[in-house]
Amino acid sequence: MKLFRLVIAIVLFLSCTNKDKENKEIHQPNAIKEAVSTSAEKISVKTYQTETKEWGYDIYMNGALYIHQPNIPAVQGNRGFRSEQAAKTTGTFVIYKISNNILPPTISVAELDSLGVLK
C-alpha cells in the first residue's frame, strides 16, 4: 500500500512539473521565433480568409498539408480569427509546439489569451 502511494505521488509530481514547464514556454516569444526559424524549411504556416470573412491557418510539413484550422481552437463554436495576424500568430505557436515535440500541438484558451489573439 505504501508503494502504491509512493508511485501515485511521483506520477502527480512529474505531471505538475511538466505543466509548469509548458506554462513557462508560453511566455517566451523569442523562443517561439527561434524554433520557427530553425525549422522554417520543413514546417510553415499559411493564413487564408474563410467564406465568412474570418481567418484561418494551415500548417504544412515538407510541403504537405498537416493541419487545416479554419476555426479558433479551444474556443466554443465555429468562429474564425478576427484578423490575419491573429491566425498567423496562433499558427506560429503551433509550429513552435511541433518543433519542440509537444504533440499533439493542442492549444488552450489560456495560451490563446497569452498570445493576445482573443481580443
PDB file of N, CA and C in Angstrom:
ATOM      1  N   MET A   1       0.821  -1.194   0.000  1.00  0.00           N
ATOM      2  CA  MET A   1       0.000   0.000   0.000  1.00  0.00           C
ATOM      3  C   MET A   1       0.862   1.254   0.000  1.00  0.00           C
ATOM      4  N   LYS A   2       1.962   1.231   0.759  1.00  0.00           N
ATOM      5  CA  LYS A   2       2.852   2.382   0.794  1.00  0.00           C
ATOM      6  C   LYS A   2       3.518   2.582  -0.562  1.00  0.00           C
ATOM      7  N   LEU A   3       3.863   1.492  -1.225  1.00  0.00           N
ATOM      8  CA  LEU A   3       4.487   1.576  -2.539  1.00  0.00           C
ATOM      9  C   LEU A   3       3.522   2.198  -3.543  1.00  0.00           C
ATOM     10  N   PHE A   4       2.251   1.820  -3.461  1.00  0.00           N
ATOM     11  CA  PHE A   4       1.234   2.380  -4.349  1.00  0.00           C
ATOM     12  C   PHE A   4       1.117   3.891  -4.146  1.00  0.00           C
ATOM     13  N   ARG A   5       1.092   4.339  -2.912  1.00  0.00           N
ATOM     14  CA  ARG A   5       1.011   5.769  -2.609  1.00  0.00           C
ATOM     15  C   ARG A   5       2.246   6.503  -3.110  1.00  0.00           C
ATOM     16  N   LEU A   6       3.407   5.881  -2.986  1.00  0.00           N
ATOM     17  CA  LEU A   6       4.644   6.491  -3.454  1.00  0.00           C
ATOM     18  C   LEU A   6       4.608   6.655  -4.978  1.00  0.00           C
ATOM     19  N   VAL A   7       4.151   5.640  -5.674  1.00  0.00           N
ATOM     20  CA  VAL A   7       4.063   5.705  -7.136  1.00  0.00           C
ATOM     21  C   VAL A   7       3.092   6.806  -7.555  1.00  0.00           C
ATOM     22  N   ILE A   8       1.952   6.901  -6.910  1.00  0.00           N
ATOM     23  CA  ILE A   8       0.967   7.946  -7.219  1.00  0.00           C
ATOM     24  C   ILE A   8       1.564   9.325  -6.963  1.00  0.00           C
ATOM     25  N   ALA A   9       2.283   9.484  -5.860  1.00  0.00           N
ATOM     26  CA  ALA A   9       2.899  10.771  -5.541  1.00  0.00           C
ATOM     27  C   ALA A   9       3.929  11.161  -6.600  1.00  0.00           C
ATOM     28  N   ILE A  10       4.708  10.225  -7.070  1.00  0.00           N
ATOM     29  CA  ILE A  10       5.720  10.510  -8.087  1.00  0.00           C
ATOM     30  C   ILE A  10       5.050  10.901  -9.399  1.00  0.00           C
ATOM     31  N   VAL A  11       4.009  10.178  -9.792  1.00  0.00           N
ATOM     32  CA  VAL A  11       3.298  10.492 -11.028  1.00  0.00           C
ATOM     33  C   VAL A  11       2.695  11.891 -10.953  1.00  0.00           C
ATOM     34  N   LEU A  12       2.066  12.233  -9.844  1.00  0.00           N
ATOM     35  CA  LEU A  12       1.479  13.565  -9.686  1.00  0.00           C
ATOM     36  C   LEU A  12       2.553  14.646  -9.730  1.00  0.00           C
ATOM     37  N   PHE A  13       3.670  14.403  -9.077  1.00  0.00           N
ATOM     38  CA  PHE A  13       4.765  15.372  -9.078  1.00  0.00           C
ATOM     39  C   PHE A  13       5.276  15.609 -10.493  1.00  0.00           C
ATOM     40  N   LEU A  14       5.489  14.530 -11.233  1.00  0.00           N
ATOM     41  CA  LEU A  14       6.016  14.654 -12.594  1.00  0.00           C
ATOM     42  C   LEU A  14       5.026  15.360 -13.518  1.00  0.00           C
ATOM     43  N   SER A  15       3.744  15.084 -13.369  1.00  0.00           N
ATOM     44  CA  SER A  15       2.758  15.740 -14.228  1.00  0.00           C
ATOM     45  C   SER A  15       2.674  17.234 -13.918  1.00  0.00           C
ATOM     46  N   CYS A  16       2.795  17.614 -12.651  1.00  0.00           N
ATOM     47  CA  CYS A  16       2.792  19.035 -12.287  1.00  0.00           C
ATOM     48  C   CYS A  16       4.034  19.727 -12.812  1.00  0.00           C
ATOM     49  N   THR A  17       5.174  19.080 -12.750  1.00  0.00           N
ATOM     50  CA  THR A  17       6.421  19.654 -13.234  1.00  0.00           C
ATOM     51  C   THR A  17       6.340  19.919 -14.731  1.00  0.00           C
ATOM     52  N   ASN A  18       5.781  19.003 -15.506  1.00  0.00           N
ATOM     53  CA  ASN A  18       5.663  19.183 -16.948  1.00  0.00           C
ATOM     54  C   ASN A  18       4.710  20.319 -17.292  1.00  0.00           C
ATOM     55  N   LYS A  19       3.619  20.478 -16.550  1.00  0.00           N
ATOM     56  CA  LYS A  19       2.681  21.561 -16.815  1.00  0.00           C
ATOM     57  C   LYS A  19       3.334  22.908 -16.537  1.00  0.00           C
ATOM     58  N   ASP A  20       4.133  23.013 -15.464  1.00  0.00           N
ATOM     59  CA  ASP A  20       4.832  24.251 -15.168  1.00  0.00           C
ATOM     60  C   ASP A  20       5.785  24.599 -16.300  1.00  0.00           C
ATOM     61  N   LYS A  21       6.472  23.620 -16.849  1.00  0.00           N
ATOM     62  CA  LYS A  21       7.406  23.844 -17.948  1.00  0.00           C
ATOM     63  C   LYS A  21       6.666  24.364 -19.169  1.00  0.00           C
ATOM     64  N   GLU A  22       5.510  23.770 -19.509  1.00  0.00           N
ATOM     65  CA  GLU A  22       4.730  24.217 -20.659  1.00  0.00           C
ATOM     66  C   GLU A  22       4.249  25.646 -20.458  1.00  0.00           C
ATOM     67  N   ASN A  23       3.778  25.996 -19.238  1.00  0.00           N
ATOM     68  CA  ASN A  23       3.300  27.339 -18.973  1.00  0.00           C
ATOM     69  C   ASN A  23       4.410  28.365 -19.100  1.00  0.00           C
ATOM     70  N   LYS A  24       5.627  28.038 -18.703  1.00  0.00           N
ATOM     71  CA  LYS A  24       6.753  28.954 -18.831  1.00  0.00           C
ATOM     72  C   LYS A  24       7.102  29.164 -20.292  1.00  0.00           C
ATOM     73  N   GLU A  25       6.961  28.144 -21.127  1.00  0.00           N
ATOM     74  CA  GLU A  25       7.303  28.261 -22.536  1.00  0.00           C
ATOM     75  C   GLU A  25       6.363  29.209 -23.264  1.00  0.00           C
ATOM     76  N   ILE A  26       5.144  29.344 -22.793  1.00  0.00           N
ATOM     77  CA  ILE A  26       4.167  30.214 -23.444  1.00  0.00           C
ATOM     78  C   ILE A  26       4.643  31.653 -23.437  1.00  0.00           C
ATOM     79  N   HIS A  27       5.301  32.081 -22.378  1.00  0.00           N
ATOM     80  CA  HIS A  27       5.687  33.464 -22.197  1.00  0.00           C
ATOM     81  C   HIS A  27       7.089  33.759 -22.722  1.00  0.00           C
ATOM     82  N   GLN A  28       7.555  33.001 -23.697  1.00  0.00           N
ATOM     83  CA  GLN A  28       8.871  33.217 -24.262  1.00  0.00           C
ATOM     84  C   GLN A  28       8.759  33.411 -25.770  1.00  0.00           C
ATOM     85  N   PRO A  29       8.351  34.626 -26.218  1.00  0.00           N
ATOM     86  CA  PRO A  29       8.162  34.837 -27.646  1.00  0.00           C
ATOM     87  C   PRO A  29       9.448  34.663 -28.455  1.00  0.00           C
ATOM     88  N   ASN A  30      10.606  34.971 -27.876  1.00  0.00           N
ATOM     89  CA  ASN A  30      11.861  34.786 -28.605  1.00  0.00           C
ATOM     90  C   ASN A  30      12.113  33.312 -28.871  1.00  0.00           C
ATOM     91  N   ALA A  31      11.735  32.456 -27.937  1.00  0.00           N
ATOM     92  CA  ALA A  31      11.905  31.016 -28.127  1.00  0.00           C
ATOM     93  C   ALA A  31      11.015  30.536 -29.265  1.00  0.00           C
ATOM     94  N   ILE A  32       9.833  31.119 -29.395  1.00  0.00           N
ATOM     95  CA  ILE A  32       8.936  30.743 -30.482  1.00  0.00           C
ATOM     96  C   ILE A  32       9.561  31.116 -31.817  1.00  0.00           C
ATOM     97  N   LYS A  33      10.054  32.342 -31.938  1.00  0.00           N
ATOM     98  CA  LYS A  33      10.667  32.787 -33.183  1.00  0.00           C
ATOM     99  C   LYS A  33      11.876  31.922 -33.529  1.00  0.00           C
ATOM    100  N   GLU A  34      12.671  31.587 -32.515  1.00  0.00           N
ATOM    101  CA  GLU A  34      13.861  30.768 -32.725  1.00  0.00           C
ATOM    102  C   GLU A  34      13.489  29.383 -33.249  1.00  0.00           C
ATOM    103  N   ALA A  35      12.483  28.766 -32.660  1.00  0.00           N
ATOM    104  CA  ALA A  35      12.062  27.425 -33.087  1.00  0.00           C
ATOM    105  C   ALA A  35      11.526  27.461 -34.511  1.00  0.00           C
ATOM    106  N   VAL A  36      10.786  28.503 -34.852  1.00  0.00           N
ATOM    107  CA  VAL A  36      10.222  28.607 -36.187  1.00  0.00           C
ATOM    108  C   VAL A  36      11.326  28.819 -37.213  1.00  0.00           C
ATOM    109  N   SER A  37      12.322  29.628 -36.890  1.00  0.00           N
ATOM    110  CA  SER A  37      13.371  29.900 -37.865  1.00  0.00           C
ATOM    111  C   SER A  37      14.250  28.676 -38.111  1.00  0.00           C
ATOM    112  N   THR A  38      14.437  27.826 -37.098  1.00  0.00           N
ATOM    113  CA  THR A  38      15.273  26.647 -37.298  1.00  0.00           C
ATOM    114  C   THR A  38      14.571  25.573 -38.104  1.00  0.00           C
ATOM    115  N   SER A  39      13.247  25.582 -38.112  1.00  0.00           N
ATOM    116  CA  SER A  39      12.522  24.547 -38.842  1.00  0.00           C
ATOM    117  C   SER A  39      11.714  25.129 -39.997  1.00  0.00           C
ATOM    118  N   ALA A  40      12.058  26.344 -40.427  1.00  0.00           N
ATOM    119  CA  ALA A  40      11.279  27.026 -41.462  1.00  0.00           C
ATOM    120  C   ALA A  40      11.258  26.250 -42.778  1.00  0.00           C
ATOM    121  N   GLU A  41      12.302  25.509 -43.069  1.00  0.00           N
ATOM    122  CA  GLU A  41      12.335  24.763 -44.326  1.00  0.00           C
ATOM    123  C   GLU A  41      11.367  23.584 -44.313  1.00  0.00           C
ATOM    124  N   LYS A  42      11.081  23.027 -43.151  1.00  0.00           N
ATOM    125  CA  LYS A  42      10.247  21.835 -43.070  1.00  0.00           C
ATOM    126  C   LYS A  42       8.814  22.135 -42.675  1.00  0.00           C
ATOM    127  N   ILE A  43       8.597  23.141 -41.857  1.00  0.00           N
ATOM    128  CA  ILE A  43       7.260  23.455 -41.354  1.00  0.00           C
ATOM    129  C   ILE A  43       6.942  24.914 -41.665  1.00  0.00           C
ATOM    130  N   SER A  44       5.756  25.157 -42.187  1.00  0.00           N
ATOM    131  CA  SER A  44       5.368  26.536 -42.482  1.00  0.00           C
ATOM    132  C   SER A  44       3.886  26.739 -42.180  1.00  0.00           C
ATOM    133  N   VAL A  45       3.521  27.998 -42.012  1.00  0.00           N
ATOM    134  CA  VAL A  45       2.126  28.359 -41.764  1.00  0.00           C
ATOM    135  C   VAL A  45       1.667  29.281 -42.890  1.00  0.00           C
ATOM    136  N   LYS A  46       0.449  29.054 -43.354  1.00  0.00           N
ATOM    137  CA  LYS A  46      -0.160  29.921 -44.360  1.00  0.00           C
ATOM    138  C   LYS A  46      -1.547  30.293 -43.876  1.00  0.00           C
ATOM    139  N   THR A  47      -1.843  31.576 -43.902  1.00  0.00           N
ATOM    140  CA  THR A  47      -3.161  32.048 -43.484  1.00  0.00           C
ATOM    141  C   THR A  47      -4.065  32.162 -44.696  1.00  0.00           C
ATOM    142  N   TYR A  48      -5.360  32.136 -44.450  1.00  0.00           N
ATOM    143  CA  TYR A  48      -6.338  32.289 -45.525  1.00  0.00           C
ATOM    144  C   TYR A  48      -7.617  32.874 -44.949  1.00  0.00           C
ATOM    145  N   GLN A  49      -8.380  33.522 -45.813  1.00  0.00           N
ATOM    146  CA  GLN A  49      -9.658  34.085 -45.390  1.00  0.00           C
ATOM    147  C   GLN A  49     -10.767  33.080 -45.695  1.00  0.00           C
ATOM    148  N   THR A  50     -11.644  32.893 -44.724  1.00  0.00           N
ATOM    149  CA  THR A  50     -12.742  31.933 -44.874  1.00  0.00           C
ATOM    150  C   THR A  50     -13.912  32.580 -45.613  1.00  0.00           C
ATOM    151  N   GLU A  51     -14.928  31.787 -45.915  1.00  0.00           N
ATOM    152  CA  GLU A  51     -16.116  32.285 -46.601  1.00  0.00           C
ATOM    153  C   GLU A  51     -16.860  33.333 -45.781  1.00  0.00           C
ATOM    154  N   THR A  52     -16.693  33.272 -44.454  1.00  0.00           N
ATOM    155  CA  THR A  52     -17.377  34.224 -43.575  1.00  0.00           C
ATOM    156  C   THR A  52     -16.532  35.460 -43.284  1.00  0.00           C
ATOM    157  N   LYS A  53     -15.469  35.662 -44.070  1.00  0.00           N
ATOM    158  CA  LYS A  53     -14.567  36.815 -43.945  1.00  0.00           C
ATOM    159  C   LYS A  53     -13.771  36.808 -42.641  1.00  0.00           C
ATOM    160  N   GLU A  54     -13.626  35.629 -42.056  1.00  0.00           N
ATOM    161  CA  GLU A  54     -12.757  35.465 -40.903  1.00  0.00           C
ATOM    162  C   GLU A  54     -11.472  34.820 -41.412  1.00  0.00           C
ATOM    163  N   TRP A  55     -10.545  34.512 -40.501  1.00  0.00           N
ATOM    164  CA  TRP A  55      -9.244  33.979 -40.906  1.00  0.00           C
ATOM    165  C   TRP A  55      -8.972  32.622 -40.280  1.00  0.00           C
ATOM    166  N   GLY A  56      -8.248  31.793 -41.005  1.00  0.00           N
ATOM    167  CA  GLY A  56      -7.798  30.500 -40.522  1.00  0.00           C
ATOM    168  C   GLY A  56      -6.349  30.296 -40.926  1.00  0.00           C
ATOM    169  N   TYR A  57      -5.791  29.150 -40.583  1.00  0.00           N
ATOM    170  CA  TYR A  57      -4.412  28.870 -40.980  1.00  0.00           C
ATOM    171  C   TYR A  57      -4.257  27.394 -41.319  1.00  0.00           C
ATOM    172  N   ASP A  58      -3.254  27.130 -42.144  1.00  0.00           N
ATOM    173  CA  ASP A  58      -2.848  25.769 -42.486  1.00  0.00           C
ATOM    174  C   ASP A  58      -1.395  25.599 -42.093  1.00  0.00           C
ATOM    175  N   ILE A  59      -1.050  24.442 -41.562  1.00  0.00           N
ATOM    176  CA  ILE A  59       0.335  24.102 -41.243  1.00  0.00           C
ATOM    177  C   ILE A  59       0.782  23.065 -42.269  1.00  0.00           C
ATOM    178  N   TYR A  60       1.905  23.334 -42.910  1.00  0.00           N
ATOM    179  CA  TYR A  60       2.469  22.415 -43.895  1.00  0.00           C
ATOM    180  C   TYR A  60       3.773  21.837 -43.365  1.00  0.00           C
ATOM    181  N   MET A  61       3.935  20.530 -43.531  1.00  0.00           N
ATOM    182  CA  MET A  61       5.185  19.860 -43.184  1.00  0.00           C
ATOM    183  C   MET A  61       5.751  19.261 -44.466  1.00  0.00           C
ATOM    184  N   ASN A  62       6.954  19.685 -44.812  1.00  0.00           N
ATOM    185  CA  ASN A  62       7.614  19.227 -46.038  1.00  0.00           C
ATOM    186  C   ASN A  62       6.716  19.404 -47.260  1.00  0.00           C
ATOM    187  N   GLY A  63       5.976  20.503 -47.286  1.00  0.00           N
ATOM    188  CA  GLY A  63       5.124  20.822 -48.425  1.00  0.00           C
ATOM    189  C   GLY A  63       3.754  20.166 -48.413  1.00  0.00           C
ATOM    190  N   ALA A  64       3.493  19.256 -47.484  1.00  0.00           N
ATOM    191  CA  ALA A  64       2.197  18.569 -47.406  1.00  0.00           C
ATOM    192  C   ALA A  64       1.350  19.163 -46.280  1.00  0.00           C
ATOM    193  N   LEU A  65       0.059  19.292 -46.528  1.00  0.00           N
ATOM    194  CA  LEU A  65      -0.849  19.823 -45.515  1.00  0.00           C
ATOM    195  C   LEU A  65      -0.856  18.906 -44.294  1.00  0.00           C
ATOM    196  N   TYR A  66      -0.589  19.478 -43.123  1.00  0.00           N
ATOM    197  CA  TYR A  66      -0.533  18.719 -41.875  1.00  0.00           C
ATOM    198  C   TYR A  66      -1.721  19.076 -40.976  1.00  0.00           C
ATOM    199  N   ILE A  67      -2.047  20.373 -40.879  1.00  0.00           N
ATOM    200  CA  ILE A  67      -3.172  20.837 -40.057  1.00  0.00           C
ATOM    201  C   ILE A  67      -3.948  21.881 -40.853  1.00  0.00           C
ATOM    202  N   HIS A  68      -5.261  21.705 -40.926  1.00  0.00           N
ATOM    203  CA  HIS A  68      -6.154  22.691 -41.535  1.00  0.00           C
ATOM    204  C   HIS A  68      -7.020  23.232 -40.403  1.00  0.00           C
ATOM    205  N   GLN A  69      -6.896  24.527 -40.088  1.00  0.00           N
ATOM    206  CA  GLN A  69      -7.584  25.092 -38.926  1.00  0.00           C
ATOM    207  C   GLN A  69      -8.401  26.325 -39.335  1.00  0.00           C
ATOM    208  N   PRO A  70      -9.658  26.127 -39.740  1.00  0.00           N
ATOM    209  CA  PRO A  70     -10.487  27.269 -40.129  1.00  0.00           C
ATOM    210  C   PRO A  70     -11.107  28.003 -38.932  1.00  0.00           C
ATOM    211  N   ASN A  71     -11.102  27.371 -37.749  1.00  0.00           N
ATOM    212  CA  ASN A  71     -11.727  27.953 -36.558  1.00  0.00           C
ATOM    213  C   ASN A  71     -10.685  28.183 -35.472  1.00  0.00           C
ATOM    214  N   ILE A  72     -11.048  29.044 -34.518  1.00  0.00           N
ATOM    215  CA  ILE A  72     -10.160  29.261 -33.376  1.00  0.00           C
ATOM    216  C   ILE A  72     -10.195  27.996 -32.528  1.00  0.00           C
ATOM    217  N   PRO A  73      -9.032  27.352 -32.310  1.00  0.00           N
ATOM    218  CA  PRO A  73      -9.030  26.134 -31.494  1.00  0.00           C
ATOM    219  C   PRO A  73      -9.331  26.447 -30.026  1.00  0.00           C
ATOM    220  N   ALA A  74      -9.928  25.501 -29.333  1.00  0.00           N
ATOM    221  CA  ALA A  74     -10.225  25.566 -27.897  1.00  0.00           C
ATOM    222  C   ALA A  74     -11.361  26.521 -27.541  1.00  0.00           C
ATOM    223  N   VAL A  75     -11.908  27.211 -28.516  1.00  0.00           N
ATOM    224  CA  VAL A  75     -12.994  28.158 -28.255  1.00  0.00           C
ATOM    225  C   VAL A  75     -14.292  27.536 -28.747  1.00  0.00           C
ATOM    226  N   GLN A  76     -15.311  27.630 -27.934  1.00  0.00           N
ATOM    227  CA  GLN A  76     -16.598  27.040 -28.284  1.00  0.00           C
ATOM    228  C   GLN A  76     -17.180  27.706 -29.524  1.00  0.00           C
ATOM    229  N   GLY A  77     -17.744  26.920 -30.407  1.00  0.00           N
ATOM    230  CA  GLY A  77     -18.349  27.431 -31.628  1.00  0.00           C
ATOM    231  C   GLY A  77     -17.435  27.260 -32.825  1.00  0.00           C
ATOM    232  N   ASN A  78     -17.858  27.803 -33.941  1.00  0.00           N
ATOM    233  CA  ASN A  78     -17.109  27.675 -35.195  1.00  0.00           C
ATOM    234  C   ASN A  78     -16.632  29.033 -35.694  1.00  0.00           C
ATOM    235  N   ARG A  79     -16.137  29.833 -34.808  1.00  0.00           N
ATOM    236  CA  ARG A  79     -15.706  31.178 -35.141  1.00  0.00           C
ATOM    237  C   ARG A  79     -14.259  31.171 -35.610  1.00  0.00           C
ATOM    238  N   GLY A  80     -13.969  31.883 -36.690  1.00  0.00           N
ATOM    239  CA  GLY A  80     -12.603  32.030 -37.166  1.00  0.00           C
ATOM    240  C   GLY A  80     -11.915  33.195 -36.471  1.00  0.00           C
ATOM    241  N   PHE A  81     -10.658  33.395 -36.805  1.00  0.00           N
ATOM    242  CA  PHE A  81      -9.899  34.513 -36.224  1.00  0.00           C
ATOM    243  C   PHE A  81     -10.378  35.831 -36.818  1.00  0.00           C
ATOM    244  N   ARG A  82     -10.303  36.891 -36.031  1.00  0.00           N
ATOM    245  CA  ARG A  82     -10.767  38.202 -36.493  1.00  0.00           C
ATOM    246  C   ARG A  82      -9.784  38.864 -37.451  1.00  0.00           C
ATOM    247  N   SER A  83      -8.504  38.513 -37.329  1.00  0.00           N
ATOM    248  CA  SER A  83      -7.509  39.135 -38.196  1.00  0.00           C
ATOM    249  C   SER A  83      -6.528  38.094 -38.720  1.00  0.00           C
ATOM    250  N   GLU A  84      -5.879  38.450 -39.813  1.00  0.00           N
ATOM    251  CA  GLU A  84      -4.867  37.564 -40.376  1.00  0.00           C
ATOM    252  C   GLU A  84      -3.703  37.411 -39.405  1.00  0.00           C
ATOM    253  N   GLN A  85      -3.340  38.497 -38.711  1.00  0.00           N
ATOM    254  CA  GLN A  85      -2.229  38.443 -37.760  1.00  0.00           C
ATOM    255  C   GLN A  85      -2.520  37.481 -36.613  1.00  0.00           C
ATOM    256  N   ALA A  86      -3.753  37.454 -36.123  1.00  0.00           N
ATOM    257  CA  ALA A  86      -4.116  36.536 -35.039  1.00  0.00           C
ATOM    258  C   ALA A  86      -3.992  35.086 -35.496  1.00  0.00           C
ATOM    259  N   ALA A  87      -4.427  34.808 -36.717  1.00  0.00           N
ATOM    260  CA  ALA A  87      -4.314  33.452 -37.260  1.00  0.00           C
ATOM    261  C   ALA A  87      -2.851  33.071 -37.435  1.00  0.00           C
ATOM    262  N   LYS A  88      -2.039  33.994 -37.933  1.00  0.00           N
ATOM    263  CA  LYS A  88      -0.615  33.714 -38.151  1.00  0.00           C
ATOM    264  C   LYS A  88       0.114  33.508 -36.823  1.00  0.00           C
ATOM    265  N   THR A  89      -0.197  34.316 -35.822  1.00  0.00           N
ATOM    266  CA  THR A  89       0.427  34.169 -34.504  1.00  0.00           C
ATOM    267  C   THR A  89       0.117  32.794 -33.913  1.00  0.00           C
ATOM    268  N   THR A  90      -1.124  32.372 -34.012  1.00  0.00           N
ATOM    269  CA  THR A  90      -1.516  31.072 -33.477  1.00  0.00           C
ATOM    270  C   THR A  90      -0.850  29.943 -34.261  1.00  0.00           C
ATOM    271  N   GLY A  91      -0.826  30.054 -35.575  1.00  0.00           N
ATOM    272  CA  GLY A  91      -0.160  29.053 -36.403  1.00  0.00           C
ATOM    273  C   GLY A  91       1.326  28.957 -36.092  1.00  0.00           C
ATOM    274  N   THR A  92       1.958  30.089 -35.840  1.00  0.00           N
ATOM    275  CA  THR A  92       3.380  30.110 -35.479  1.00  0.00           C
ATOM    276  C   THR A  92       3.601  29.420 -34.145  1.00  0.00           C
ATOM    277  N   PHE A  93       2.671  29.609 -33.215  1.00  0.00           N
ATOM    278  CA  PHE A  93       2.770  28.939 -31.919  1.00  0.00           C
ATOM    279  C   PHE A  93       2.617  27.421 -32.068  1.00  0.00           C
ATOM    280  N   VAL A  94       1.749  26.996 -32.972  1.00  0.00           N
ATOM    281  CA  VAL A  94       1.589  25.563 -33.245  1.00  0.00           C
ATOM    282  C   VAL A  94       2.894  24.996 -33.811  1.00  0.00           C
ATOM    283  N   ILE A  95       3.539  25.740 -34.698  1.00  0.00           N
ATOM    284  CA  ILE A  95       4.831  25.305 -35.242  1.00  0.00           C
ATOM    285  C   ILE A  95       5.858  25.178 -34.126  1.00  0.00           C
ATOM    286  N   TYR A  96       5.853  26.119 -33.196  1.00  0.00           N
ATOM    287  CA  TYR A  96       6.754  26.061 -32.047  1.00  0.00           C
ATOM    288  C   TYR A  96       6.540  24.762 -31.271  1.00  0.00           C
ATOM    289  N   LYS A  97       5.281  24.415 -31.028  1.00  0.00           N
ATOM    290  CA  LYS A  97       4.978  23.188 -30.286  1.00  0.00           C
ATOM    291  C   LYS A  97       5.441  21.954 -31.058  1.00  0.00           C
ATOM    292  N   ILE A  98       5.169  21.907 -32.354  1.00  0.00           N
ATOM    293  CA  ILE A  98       5.593  20.768 -33.165  1.00  0.00           C
ATOM    294  C   ILE A  98       7.114  20.654 -33.162  1.00  0.00           C
ATOM    295  N   SER A  99       7.793  21.777 -33.320  1.00  0.00           N
ATOM    296  CA  SER A  99       9.257  21.790 -33.359  1.00  0.00           C
ATOM    297  C   SER A  99       9.882  21.320 -32.051  1.00  0.00           C
ATOM    298  N   ASN A 100       9.151  21.483 -30.954  1.00  0.00           N
ATOM    299  CA  ASN A 100       9.650  21.074 -29.637  1.00  0.00           C
ATOM    300  C   ASN A 100       9.005  19.777 -29.156  1.00  0.00           C
ATOM    301  N   ASN A 101       8.458  19.010 -30.080  1.00  0.00           N
ATOM    302  CA  ASN A 101       7.857  17.703 -29.792  1.00  0.00           C
ATOM    303  C   ASN A 101       6.759  17.754 -28.741  1.00  0.00           C
ATOM    304  N   ILE A 102       6.006  18.831 -28.723  1.00  0.00           N
ATOM    305  CA  ILE A 102       4.827  18.924 -27.865  1.00  0.00           C
ATOM    306  C   ILE A 102       3.658  18.483 -28.738  1.00  0.00           C
ATOM    307  N   LEU A 103       3.428  17.175 -28.721  1.00  0.00           N
ATOM    308  CA  LEU A 103       2.450  16.568 -29.619  1.00  0.00           C
ATOM    309  C   LEU A 103       1.377  15.820 -28.853  1.00  0.00           C
ATOM    310  N   PRO A 104       0.136  15.897 -29.263  1.00  0.00           N
ATOM    311  CA  PRO A 104      -0.353  16.748 -30.329  1.00  0.00           C
ATOM    312  C   PRO A 104      -0.252  18.213 -29.916  1.00  0.00           C
ATOM    313  N   PRO A 105      -0.144  19.108 -30.883  1.00  0.00           N
ATOM    314  CA  PRO A 105       0.055  20.527 -30.553  1.00  0.00           C
ATOM    315  C   PRO A 105      -1.247  21.229 -30.185  1.00  0.00           C
ATOM    316  N   THR A 106      -1.923  20.727 -29.163  1.00  0.00           N
ATOM    317  CA  THR A 106      -3.191  21.329 -28.751  1.00  0.00           C
ATOM    318  C   THR A 106      -2.954  22.694 -28.129  1.00  0.00           C
ATOM    319  N   ILE A 107      -3.960  23.538 -28.217  1.00  0.00           N
ATOM    320  CA  ILE A 107      -3.869  24.897 -27.699  1.00  0.00           C
ATOM    321  C   ILE A 107      -5.023  25.116 -26.732  1.00  0.00           C
ATOM    322  N   SER A 108      -4.720  25.738 -25.607  1.00  0.00           N
ATOM    323  CA  SER A 108      -5.751  26.031 -24.613  1.00  0.00           C
ATOM    324  C   SER A 108      -6.209  27.485 -24.749  1.00  0.00           C
ATOM    325  N   VAL A 109      -7.320  27.793 -24.118  1.00  0.00           N
ATOM    326  CA  VAL A 109      -7.829  29.169 -24.106  1.00  0.00           C
ATOM    327  C   VAL A 109      -6.812  30.076 -23.413  1.00  0.00           C
ATOM    328  N   ALA A 110      -6.176  29.587 -22.354  1.00  0.00           N
ATOM    329  CA  ALA A 110      -5.160  30.385 -21.645  1.00  0.00           C
ATOM    330  C   ALA A 110      -3.990  30.722 -22.564  1.00  0.00           C
ATOM    331  N   GLU A 111      -3.573  29.778 -23.377  1.00  0.00           N
ATOM    332  CA  GLU A 111      -2.478  30.038 -24.324  1.00  0.00           C
ATOM    333  C   GLU A 111      -2.901  31.058 -25.374  1.00  0.00           C
ATOM    334  N   LEU A 112      -4.126  30.938 -25.893  1.00  0.00           N
ATOM    335  CA  LEU A 112      -4.625  31.910 -26.857  1.00  0.00           C
ATOM    336  C   LEU A 112      -4.681  33.294 -26.243  1.00  0.00           C
ATOM    337  N   ASP A 113      -5.102  33.369 -24.987  1.00  0.00           N
ATOM    338  CA  ASP A 113      -5.144  34.641 -24.287  1.00  0.00           C
ATOM    339  C   ASP A 113      -3.742  35.215 -24.112  1.00  0.00           C
ATOM    340  N   SER A 114      -2.768  34.356 -23.777  1.00  0.00           N
ATOM    341  CA  SER A 114      -1.382  34.813 -23.633  1.00  0.00           C
ATOM    342  C   SER A 114      -0.822  35.329 -24.948  1.00  0.00           C
ATOM    343  N   LEU A 115      -1.251  34.735 -26.037  1.00  0.00           N
ATOM    344  CA  LEU A 115      -0.789  35.175 -27.354  1.00  0.00           C
ATOM    345  C   LEU A 115      -1.485  36.469 -27.798  1.00  0.00           C
ATOM    346  N   GLY A 116      -2.564  36.828 -27.116  1.00  0.00           N
ATOM    347  CA  GLY A 116      -3.293  38.058 -27.433  1.00  0.00           C
ATOM    348  C   GLY A 116      -4.178  37.952 -28.670  1.00  0.00           C
ATOM    349  N   VAL A 117      -4.613  36.745 -29.015  1.00  0.00           N
ATOM    350  CA  VAL A 117      -5.405  36.568 -30.231  1.00  0.00           C
ATOM    351  C   VAL A 117      -6.909  36.536 -29.984  1.00  0.00           C
ATOM    352  N   LEU A 118      -7.329  36.609 -28.737  1.00  0.00           N
ATOM    353  CA  LEU A 118      -8.757  36.556 -28.426  1.00  0.00           C
ATOM    354  C   LEU A 118      -9.388  37.932 -28.287  1.00  0.00           C
ATOM    355  N   LYS A 119      -8.632  38.972 -28.444  1.00  0.00           N
ATOM    356  CA  LYS A 119      -9.134  40.345 -28.260  1.00  0.00           C
ATOM    357  C   LYS A 119     -10.020  40.768 -29.392  1.00  0.00           C
TER     358      LYS A 119
END
